[in-house]
Amino acid sequence: MSETFNATGRRKTSVARVRLLRGSGVIEINGRPFEEYFPTAPLQLAVLKPFEVTKTMNNYDVRAKTHGGGPVGQAGAIRLGIARALLEVDAAMRPVLKEEGLLTRDPRMKERKKAGQPGARKRFQFSKR
């Protein structure tokens, strides 16, 4: 059996479990081809960024399972998962990945709606009389 490298990535409310296997660059997300799951170029580039930065394009196959959030959050979660899995492969990639900010979990989350208000920050219209 070939060696696998596992990692978890999160962004907003999305969670991705990523498995990295030595291979020819086949990426499968939730059992679907990568190009079908993320049809737009910006999302595809976001997912491929860790491979681009470490110059390991087409060296690994990726099997990812992701849930929660939307396409942008899921792409960010997979990107973080791939970067963390690449660290398991070779710890020497750390400075390159860190410089590009690929090892930092994006902490930005949606702020909760507060009681007695129409939104997180919005207030009802003030009426003097």
C-alpha atoms as a PDB file:
ATOM      1  CA  MET A   1       0.000   0.000   0.000  1.00  0.00           C
ATOM      2  CA  SER A   2       1.258   3.478  -0.850  1.00  0.00           C
ATOM      3  CA  GLU A   3       2.014   5.998   1.840  1.00  0.00           C
ATOM      4  CA  THR A   4      -0.811   8.403   2.674  1.00  0.00           C
ATOM      5  CA  PHE A   5      -0.628  11.766   4.406  1.00  0.00           C
ATOM      6  CA  ASN A   6      -3.755  13.053   6.170  1.00  0.00           C
ATOM      7  CA  ALA A   7      -4.636  16.567   7.296  1.00  0.00           C
ATOM      8  CA  THR A   8      -7.648  18.674   8.202  1.00  0.00           C
ATOM      9  CA  GLY A   9      -8.389  22.161   6.940  1.00  0.00           C
ATOM     10  CA  ARG A  10     -11.066  24.623   8.042  1.00  0.00           C
ATOM     11  CA  ARG A  11     -12.386  27.954   6.733  1.00  0.00           C
ATOM     12  CA  LYS A  12     -15.561  29.771   7.847  1.00  0.00           C
ATOM     13  CA  THR A  13     -17.951  26.867   8.562  1.00  0.00           C
ATOM     14  CA  SER A  14     -16.347  24.446   6.088  1.00  0.00           C
ATOM     15  CA  VAL A  15     -14.285  21.444   7.141  1.00  0.00           C
ATOM     16  CA  ALA A  16     -12.120  19.388   4.762  1.00  0.00           C
ATOM     17  CA  ARG A  17     -10.398  16.069   5.416  1.00  0.00           C
ATOM     18  CA  VAL A  18      -7.550  15.715   2.929  1.00  0.00           C
ATOM     19  CA  ARG A  19      -5.606  12.564   1.982  1.00  0.00           C
ATOM     20  CA  LEU A  20      -2.427  12.981  -0.045  1.00  0.00           C
ATOM     21  CA  LEU A  21      -1.010  10.008  -1.975  1.00  0.00           C
ATOM     22  CA  ARG A  22       1.995   9.881  -4.274  1.00  0.00           C
ATOM     23  CA  GLY A  23       0.623   9.851  -7.804  1.00  0.00           C
ATOM     24  CA  SER A  24       0.024  11.787 -10.984  1.00  0.00           C
ATOM     25  CA  GLY A  25      -1.941  14.813  -9.778  1.00  0.00           C
ATOM     26  CA  VAL A  26      -5.517  13.468  -9.770  1.00  0.00           C
ATOM     27  CA  ILE A  27      -7.692  15.532  -7.429  1.00  0.00           C
ATOM     28  CA  GLU A  28     -11.033  14.147  -6.266  1.00  0.00           C
ATOM     29  CA  ILE A  29     -13.392  16.051  -3.966  1.00  0.00           C
ATOM     30  CA  ASN A  30     -16.394  14.292  -2.402  1.00  0.00           C
ATOM     31  CA  GLY A  31     -16.005  11.561  -5.038  1.00  0.00           C
ATOM     32  CA  ARG A  32     -16.218  14.037  -7.939  1.00  0.00           C
ATOM     33  CA  PRO A  33     -13.454  15.329 -10.221  1.00  0.00           C
ATOM     34  CA  PHE A  34     -11.841  18.561  -9.020  1.00  0.00           C
ATOM     35  CA  GLU A  35     -12.758  20.539 -12.180  1.00  0.00           C
ATOM     36  CA  GLU A  36     -16.415  19.528 -11.825  1.00  0.00           C
ATOM     37  CA  TYR A  37     -16.623  20.327  -8.093  1.00  0.00           C
ATOM     38  CA  PHE A  38     -14.982  23.768  -8.469  1.00  0.00           C
ATOM     39  CA  PRO A  39     -15.970  24.971 -11.977  1.00  0.00           C
ATOM     40  CA  THR A  40     -14.497  28.481 -11.643  1.00  0.00           C
ATOM     41  CA  ALA A  41     -10.808  29.289 -12.179  1.00  0.00           C
ATOM     42  CA  PRO A  42     -10.266  31.320  -8.950  1.00  0.00           C
ATOM     43  CA  LEU A  43     -11.443  28.410  -6.772  1.00  0.00           C
ATOM     44  CA  GLN A  44      -9.312  25.925  -8.735  1.00  0.00           C
ATOM     45  CA  LEU A  45      -6.231  28.163  -8.395  1.00  0.00           C
ATOM     46  CA  ALA A  46      -6.846  28.531  -4.647  1.00  0.00           C
ATOM     47  CA  VAL A  47      -6.863  24.745  -4.194  1.00  0.00           C
ATOM     48  CA  LEU A  48      -3.728  24.255  -6.343  1.00  0.00           C
ATOM     49  CA  LYS A  49      -1.718  27.071  -4.690  1.00  0.00           C
ATOM     50  CA  PRO A  50       0.152  24.858  -2.148  1.00  0.00           C
ATOM     51  CA  PHE A  51       1.406  22.607  -4.989  1.00  0.00           C
ATOM     52  CA  GLU A  52       2.340  25.643  -7.106  1.00  0.00           C
ATOM     53  CA  VAL A  53       4.352  27.258  -4.284  1.00  0.00           C
ATOM     54  CA  THR A  54       6.209  24.047  -3.346  1.00  0.00           C
ATOM     55  CA  LYS A  55       6.750  23.037  -7.007  1.00  0.00           C
ATOM     56  CA  THR A  56       5.110  19.631  -6.415  1.00  0.00           C
ATOM     57  CA  MET A  57       2.408  19.937  -9.087  1.00  0.00           C
ATOM     58  CA  ASN A  58       1.309  16.513 -10.430  1.00  0.00           C
ATOM     59  CA  ASN A  59       3.385  14.649  -7.806  1.00  0.00           C
ATOM     60  CA  TYR A  60       0.470  13.799  -5.500  1.00  0.00           C
ATOM     61  CA  ASP A  61      -3.098  12.590  -5.821  1.00  0.00           C
ATOM     62  CA  VAL A  62      -5.615  14.269  -3.527  1.00  0.00           C
ATOM     63  CA  ARG A  63      -8.747  12.686  -2.069  1.00  0.00           C
ATOM     64  CA  ALA A  64     -10.740  15.239  -0.079  1.00  0.00           C
ATOM     65  CA  LYS A  65     -14.036  15.050   1.753  1.00  0.00           C
ATOM     66  CA  THR A  66     -15.554  18.399   2.627  1.00  0.00           C
ATOM     67  CA  HIS A  67     -18.784  19.612   4.174  1.00  0.00           C
ATOM     68  CA  GLY A  68     -20.362  22.798   5.488  1.00  0.00           C
ATOM     69  CA  GLY A  69     -20.244  26.331   4.156  1.00  0.00           C
ATOM     70  CA  GLY A  70     -20.133  27.288   0.495  1.00  0.00           C
ATOM     71  CA  PRO A  71     -17.717  26.832  -2.391  1.00  0.00           C
ATOM     72  CA  VAL A  72     -15.270  29.566  -1.301  1.00  0.00           C
ATOM     73  CA  GLY A  73     -15.061  28.280   2.261  1.00  0.00           C
ATOM     74  CA  GLN A  74     -14.643  24.702   1.062  1.00  0.00           C
ATOM     75  CA  ALA A  75     -11.877  25.689  -1.365  1.00  0.00           C
ATOM     76  CA  GLY A  76     -10.073  27.508   1.473  1.00  0.00           C
ATOM     77  CA  ALA A  77     -10.459  24.506   3.769  1.00  0.00           C
ATOM     78  CA  ILE A  78      -9.060  22.129   1.136  1.00  0.00           C
ATOM     79  CA  ARG A  79      -6.153  24.516   0.473  1.00  0.00           C
ATOM     80  CA  LEU A  80      -5.207  24.542   4.173  1.00  0.00           C
ATOM     81  CA  GLY A  81      -5.589  20.748   4.345  1.00  0.00           C
ATOM     82  CA  ILE A  82      -3.283  20.238   1.352  1.00  0.00           C
ATOM     83  CA  ALA A  83      -0.676  22.627   2.814  1.00  0.00           C
ATOM     84  CA  ARG A  84      -0.726  20.784   6.153  1.00  0.00           C
ATOM     85  CA  ALA A  85      -0.487  17.391   4.418  1.00  0.00           C
ATOM     86  CA  LEU A  86       2.523  18.611   2.390  1.00  0.00           C
ATOM     87  CA  LEU A  87       4.207  19.475   5.703  1.00  0.00           C
ATOM     88  CA  GLU A  88       3.796  15.829   6.756  1.00  0.00           C
ATOM     89  CA  VAL A  89       5.467  14.782   3.497  1.00  0.00           C
ATOM     90  CA  ASP A  90       8.447  17.114   3.925  1.00  0.00           C
ATOM     91  CA  ALA A  91       8.916  19.520   6.843  1.00  0.00           C
ATOM     92  CA  ALA A  92      11.465  21.482   4.760  1.00  0.00           C
ATOM     93  CA  MET A  93       8.537  23.000   2.804  1.00  0.00           C
ATOM     94  CA  ARG A  94       7.428  24.917   5.903  1.00  0.00           C
ATOM     95  CA  PRO A  95       9.214  28.261   5.225  1.00  0.00           C
ATOM     96  CA  VAL A  96       7.865  28.430   1.660  1.00  0.00           C
ATOM     97  CA  LEU A  97       4.291  27.608   2.706  1.00  0.00           C
ATOM     98  CA  LYS A  98       4.453  29.950   5.694  1.00  0.00           C
ATOM     99  CA  GLU A  99       5.746  32.855   3.588  1.00  0.00           C
ATOM    100  CA  GLU A 100       2.722  32.521   1.285  1.00  0.00           C
ATOM    101  CA  GLY A 101       0.385  32.398   4.303  1.00  0.00           C
ATOM    102  CA  LEU A 102      -0.874  28.913   3.463  1.00  0.00           C
ATOM    103  CA  LEU A 103      -0.456  27.508   6.982  1.00  0.00           C
ATOM    104  CA  THR A 104      -2.585  30.154   8.685  1.00  0.00           C
ATOM    105  CA  ARG A 105      -6.168  29.218   9.448  1.00  0.00           C
ATOM    106  CA  ASP A 106      -8.359  32.157   8.367  1.00  0.00           C
ATOM    107  CA  PRO A 107     -10.178  33.085  11.611  1.00  0.00           C
ATOM    108  CA  ARG A 108     -12.859  35.260   9.997  1.00  0.00           C
ATOM    109  CA  MET A 109     -16.320  33.937  10.792  1.00  0.00           C
ATOM    110  CA  LYS A 110     -19.813  35.321  10.373  1.00  0.00           C
ATOM    111  CA  GLU A 111     -20.790  37.354  13.433  1.00  0.00           C
ATOM    112  CA  ARG A 112     -23.906  36.099  15.187  1.00  0.00           C
ATOM    113  CA  LYS A 113     -27.182  38.001  15.130  1.00  0.00           C
ATOM    114  CA  LYS A 114     -27.891  39.625  18.502  1.00  0.00           C
ATOM    115  CA  ALA A 115     -31.249  39.422  20.292  1.00  0.00           C
ATOM    116  CA  GLY A 116     -33.548  42.381  19.768  1.00  0.00           C
ATOM    117  CA  GLN A 117     -31.772  43.502  16.599  1.00  0.00           C
ATOM    118  CA  PRO A 118     -32.397  42.818  12.911  1.00  0.00           C
ATOM    119  CA  GLY A 119     -28.791  41.691  12.299  1.00  0.00           C
ATOM    120  CA  ALA A 120     -25.350  41.344  13.866  1.00  0.00           C
ATOM    121  CA  ARG A 121     -24.598  45.091  13.894  1.00  0.00           C
ATOM    122  CA  LYS A 122     -27.719  46.701  12.400  1.00  0.00           C
ATOM    123  CA  ARG A 123     -30.157  48.381  14.779  1.00  0.00           C
ATOM    124  CA  PHE A 124     -33.817  49.120  14.272  1.00  0.00           C
ATOM    125  CA  GLN A 125     -34.494  52.674  13.048  1.00  0.00           C
ATOM    126  CA  PHE A 126     -34.470  55.271  15.822  1.00  0.00           C
ATOM    127  CA  SER A 127     -37.704  57.165  16.268  1.00  0.00           C
ATOM    128  CA  LYS A 128     -37.734  60.305  18.422  1.00  0.00           C
ATOM    129  CA  ARG A 129     -41.525  60.324  18.716  1.00  0.00           C
END
